[in-house]
């Protein structure tokens, strides 16, 4: 996906001013690509076992009027 960035976000003219040059036509091009963040695995790792875990639950206070 290609898009031209708005001038309010990226100010290319400030680059030319900082370089003591004359203003030139410029724009900022935003490129969006899809990429995998992780390596592919042929299959999920084998499950060796399951460990139970117990989460303590605090007692519930009941208020009666």
C-alpha atoms as a PDB file:
ATOM      1  CA  UNK A   1       0.000   0.000   0.000  1.00  0.00           C
ATOM      2  CA  UNK A   2       1.331   3.426  -0.920  1.00  0.00           C
ATOM      3  CA  UNK A   3       0.213   6.751   0.496  1.00  0.00           C
ATOM      4  CA  UNK A   4       1.469  10.312   0.543  1.00  0.00           C
ATOM      5  CA  UNK A   5       1.873  11.659   4.060  1.00  0.00           C
ATOM      6  CA  UNK A   6       0.204  14.879   5.070  1.00  0.00           C
ATOM      7  CA  UNK A   7       2.441  17.919   5.331  1.00  0.00           C
ATOM      8  CA  UNK A   8       1.386  18.495   8.938  1.00  0.00           C
ATOM      9  CA  UNK A   9       2.993  15.207  10.050  1.00  0.00           C
ATOM     10  CA  UNK A  10       6.270  15.304   8.126  1.00  0.00           C
ATOM     11  CA  UNK A  11       7.612  18.635   7.021  1.00  0.00           C
ATOM     12  CA  UNK A  12      10.067  17.970   4.192  1.00  0.00           C
ATOM     13  CA  UNK A  13      10.637  21.694   3.637  1.00  0.00           C
ATOM     14  CA  UNK A  14      12.320  21.883   7.058  1.00  0.00           C
ATOM     15  CA  UNK A  15      15.052  19.564   5.746  1.00  0.00           C
ATOM     16  CA  UNK A  16      15.996  22.001   2.982  1.00  0.00           C
ATOM     17  CA  UNK A  17      15.890  24.941   5.380  1.00  0.00           C
ATOM     18  CA  UNK A  18      18.139  23.100   7.836  1.00  0.00           C
ATOM     19  CA  UNK A  19      20.644  22.444   5.039  1.00  0.00           C
ATOM     20  CA  UNK A  20      20.704  26.164   4.119  1.00  0.00           C
ATOM     21  CA  UNK A  21      19.397  25.277   0.698  1.00  0.00           C
ATOM     22  CA  UNK A  22      16.630  26.623  -1.447  1.00  0.00           C
ATOM     23  CA  UNK A  23      13.188  25.126  -1.108  1.00  0.00           C
ATOM     24  CA  UNK A  24      12.551  22.223  -3.453  1.00  0.00           C
ATOM     25  CA  UNK A  25       9.511  20.204  -4.270  1.00  0.00           C
ATOM     26  CA  UNK A  26       9.338  17.167  -1.981  1.00  0.00           C
ATOM     27  CA  UNK A  27       6.870  14.815  -0.379  1.00  0.00           C
ATOM     28  CA  UNK A  28       6.881  11.924   2.072  1.00  0.00           C
ATOM     29  CA  UNK A  29       5.820   8.543   0.741  1.00  0.00           C
ATOM     30  CA  UNK A  30       4.459   5.988   3.220  1.00  0.00           C
ATOM     31  CA  UNK A  31       4.856   2.351   2.173  1.00  0.00           C
ATOM     32  CA  UNK A  32       3.003  -0.401   4.043  1.00  0.00           C
ATOM     33  CA  UNK A  33       3.968  -4.033   3.433  1.00  0.00           C
ATOM     34  CA  UNK A  34       2.860  -7.314   4.973  1.00  0.00           C
ATOM     35  CA  UNK A  35       5.620  -9.350   6.593  1.00  0.00           C
ATOM     36  CA  UNK A  36       5.816 -12.346   8.883  1.00  0.00           C
ATOM     37  CA  UNK A  37       7.073 -11.513  12.359  1.00  0.00           C
ATOM     38  CA  UNK A  38       8.065 -15.094  13.218  1.00  0.00           C
ATOM     39  CA  UNK A  39       9.658 -17.977  11.375  1.00  0.00           C
ATOM     40  CA  UNK A  40       7.288 -20.605  10.014  1.00  0.00           C
ATOM     41  CA  UNK A  41       7.157 -23.957  11.785  1.00  0.00           C
ATOM     42  CA  UNK A  42       6.102 -27.118  10.001  1.00  0.00           C
ATOM     43  CA  UNK A  43       4.005 -28.231  12.983  1.00  0.00           C
ATOM     44  CA  UNK A  44       3.304 -27.284  16.568  1.00  0.00           C
ATOM     45  CA  UNK A  45       5.695 -28.687  19.196  1.00  0.00           C
ATOM     46  CA  UNK A  46       4.576 -31.938  20.809  1.00  0.00           C
ATOM     47  CA  UNK A  47       2.889 -31.625  24.209  1.00  0.00           C
ATOM     48  CA  UNK A  48       4.829 -33.571  26.840  1.00  0.00           C
ATOM     49  CA  UNK A  49       2.373 -33.087  29.689  1.00  0.00           C
ATOM     50  CA  UNK A  50      -0.040 -30.765  31.410  1.00  0.00           C
ATOM     51  CA  UNK A  51       0.586 -29.235  34.823  1.00  0.00           C
ATOM     52  CA  UNK A  52      -2.422 -28.178  36.873  1.00  0.00           C
ATOM     53  CA  UNK A  53      -2.295 -24.798  38.493  1.00  0.00           C
ATOM     54  CA  UNK A  54      -4.462 -23.559  41.323  1.00  0.00           C
ATOM     55  CA  UNK A  55      -5.314 -19.894  41.586  1.00  0.00           C
ATOM     56  CA  UNK A  56      -6.446 -18.876  45.076  1.00  0.00           C
ATOM     57  CA  UNK A  57      -9.811 -17.103  45.062  1.00  0.00           C
ATOM     58  CA  UNK A  58     -10.410 -14.569  47.832  1.00  0.00           C
ATOM     59  CA  UNK A  59     -13.576 -15.127  49.894  1.00  0.00           C
ATOM     60  CA  UNK A  60     -16.637 -13.147  48.893  1.00  0.00           C
ATOM     61  CA  UNK A  61     -18.182 -10.919  51.552  1.00  0.00           C
ATOM     62  CA  UNK A  62     -21.950 -10.777  51.588  1.00  0.00           C
ATOM     63  CA  UNK A  63     -23.561  -7.704  53.127  1.00  0.00           C
ATOM     64  CA  UNK A  64     -27.197  -7.975  54.087  1.00  0.00           C
ATOM     65  CA  UNK A  65     -29.332  -5.039  54.993  1.00  0.00           C
END
